[in-house]
Amino acid sequence: MEIDKKVKKKNILTGIALVIFMILLFIFTLYNVGVFERII
């Protein structure tokens, strides 16, 4: 039981991290393309 809980929690954290990474990559790409004229 304990091992299953740990694995499930790790999978959820990995998924959240992946989503955040994808969003950051998407925003970074938009800035590079020049969609936003603002300077960070």
N, C-alpha and C. Protein backbone atom coordinates (compact mmCIF):
# COMPACT_ATOMS: atom_id res chain seq x y z
N MET A 1 0.83 -1.21 0.00
CA MET A 1 0.00 0.00 0.00
C MET A 1 0.86 1.27 0.00
N GLU A 2 1.86 1.29 0.86
CA GLU A 2 2.71 2.48 0.97
C GLU A 2 3.44 2.77 -0.35
N ILE A 3 3.96 1.72 -0.98
CA ILE A 3 4.71 1.90 -2.23
C ILE A 3 3.79 2.47 -3.30
N ASP A 4 2.56 1.96 -3.39
CA ASP A 4 1.61 2.45 -4.39
C ASP A 4 1.33 3.93 -4.20
N LYS A 5 1.14 4.35 -2.94
CA LYS A 5 0.88 5.77 -2.66
C LYS A 5 2.04 6.64 -3.10
N LYS A 6 3.26 6.20 -2.78
CA LYS A 6 4.44 6.98 -3.16
C LYS A 6 4.57 7.09 -4.67
N VAL A 7 4.36 5.98 -5.36
CA VAL A 7 4.47 5.99 -6.83
C VAL A 7 3.42 6.91 -7.44
N LYS A 8 2.19 6.84 -6.93
CA LYS A 8 1.11 7.68 -7.45
C LYS A 8 1.42 9.15 -7.24
N LYS A 9 1.93 9.49 -6.04
CA LYS A 9 2.26 10.89 -5.74
C LYS A 9 3.38 11.37 -6.67
N LYS A 10 4.38 10.52 -6.88
CA LYS A 10 5.49 10.89 -7.75
C LYS A 10 5.00 11.11 -9.19
N ASN A 11 4.10 10.25 -9.63
CA ASN A 11 3.56 10.39 -10.99
C ASN A 11 2.80 11.70 -11.15
N ILE A 12 2.01 12.06 -10.14
CA ILE A 12 1.25 13.31 -10.18
C ILE A 12 2.20 14.50 -10.23
N LEU A 13 3.24 14.47 -9.38
CA LEU A 13 4.22 15.57 -9.37
C LEU A 13 4.94 15.67 -10.70
N THR A 14 5.28 14.54 -11.29
CA THR A 14 5.96 14.53 -12.59
C THR A 14 5.04 15.13 -13.66
N GLY A 15 3.77 14.78 -13.61
CA GLY A 15 2.80 15.30 -14.56
C GLY A 15 2.66 16.81 -14.45
N ILE A 16 2.56 17.30 -13.21
CA ILE A 16 2.43 18.75 -12.98
C ILE A 16 3.67 19.47 -13.48
N ALA A 17 4.85 18.90 -13.17
CA ALA A 17 6.11 19.51 -13.61
C ALA A 17 6.17 19.57 -15.14
N LEU A 18 5.72 18.50 -15.78
CA LEU A 18 5.72 18.44 -17.25
C LEU A 18 4.81 19.52 -17.84
N VAL A 19 3.63 19.68 -17.26
CA VAL A 19 2.68 20.69 -17.74
C VAL A 19 3.27 22.09 -17.58
N ILE A 20 3.86 22.36 -16.41
CA ILE A 20 4.47 23.67 -16.17
C ILE A 20 5.59 23.92 -17.17
N PHE A 21 6.41 22.89 -17.41
CA PHE A 21 7.52 23.01 -18.36
C PHE A 21 6.99 23.33 -19.76
N MET A 22 5.92 22.65 -20.18
CA MET A 22 5.35 22.88 -21.51
C MET A 22 4.81 24.30 -21.64
N ILE A 23 4.14 24.79 -20.58
CA ILE A 23 3.59 26.14 -20.60
C ILE A 23 4.72 27.17 -20.71
N LEU A 24 5.79 26.96 -19.90
CA LEU A 24 6.93 27.88 -19.94
C LEU A 24 7.57 27.87 -21.33
N LEU A 25 7.72 26.68 -21.91
CA LEU A 25 8.31 26.55 -23.23
C LEU A 25 7.44 27.27 -24.27
N PHE A 26 6.13 27.14 -24.16
CA PHE A 26 5.18 27.79 -25.07
C PHE A 26 5.30 29.30 -24.98
N ILE A 27 5.33 29.84 -23.75
CA ILE A 27 5.45 31.29 -23.54
C ILE A 27 6.78 31.78 -24.09
N PHE A 28 7.86 31.04 -23.80
CA PHE A 28 9.19 31.42 -24.26
C PHE A 28 9.23 31.47 -25.79
N THR A 29 8.59 30.50 -26.43
CA THR A 29 8.54 30.45 -27.89
C THR A 29 7.80 31.66 -28.45
N LEU A 30 6.68 32.02 -27.82
CA LEU A 30 5.92 33.19 -28.27
C LEU A 30 6.76 34.46 -28.16
N TYR A 31 7.49 34.59 -27.04
CA TYR A 31 8.36 35.76 -26.88
C TYR A 31 9.44 35.78 -27.96
N ASN A 32 10.01 34.62 -28.25
CA ASN A 32 11.07 34.54 -29.27
C ASN A 32 10.53 34.91 -30.65
N VAL A 33 9.32 34.45 -30.97
CA VAL A 33 8.73 34.73 -32.26
C VAL A 33 8.39 36.21 -32.39
N GLY A 34 8.14 36.87 -31.26
CA GLY A 34 7.87 38.30 -31.28
C GLY A 34 6.39 38.62 -31.21
N VAL A 35 5.58 37.69 -30.70
CA VAL A 35 4.15 37.94 -30.55
C VAL A 35 3.94 39.06 -29.54
N PHE A 36 4.76 39.00 -28.46
CA PHE A 36 4.68 40.04 -27.44
C PHE A 36 5.83 41.01 -27.64
N GLU A 37 5.51 42.31 -27.64
CA GLU A 37 6.55 43.32 -27.86
C GLU A 37 7.19 43.75 -26.55
N ARG A 38 6.61 43.32 -25.42
CA ARG A 38 7.13 43.73 -24.12
C ARG A 38 8.47 43.04 -23.84
N ILE A 39 9.32 43.74 -23.11
CA ILE A 39 10.61 43.16 -22.70
C ILE A 39 10.47 42.64 -21.29
N ILE A 40 10.95 41.41 -21.07
CA ILE A 40 10.85 40.80 -19.74
C ILE A 40 11.84 41.49 -18.81
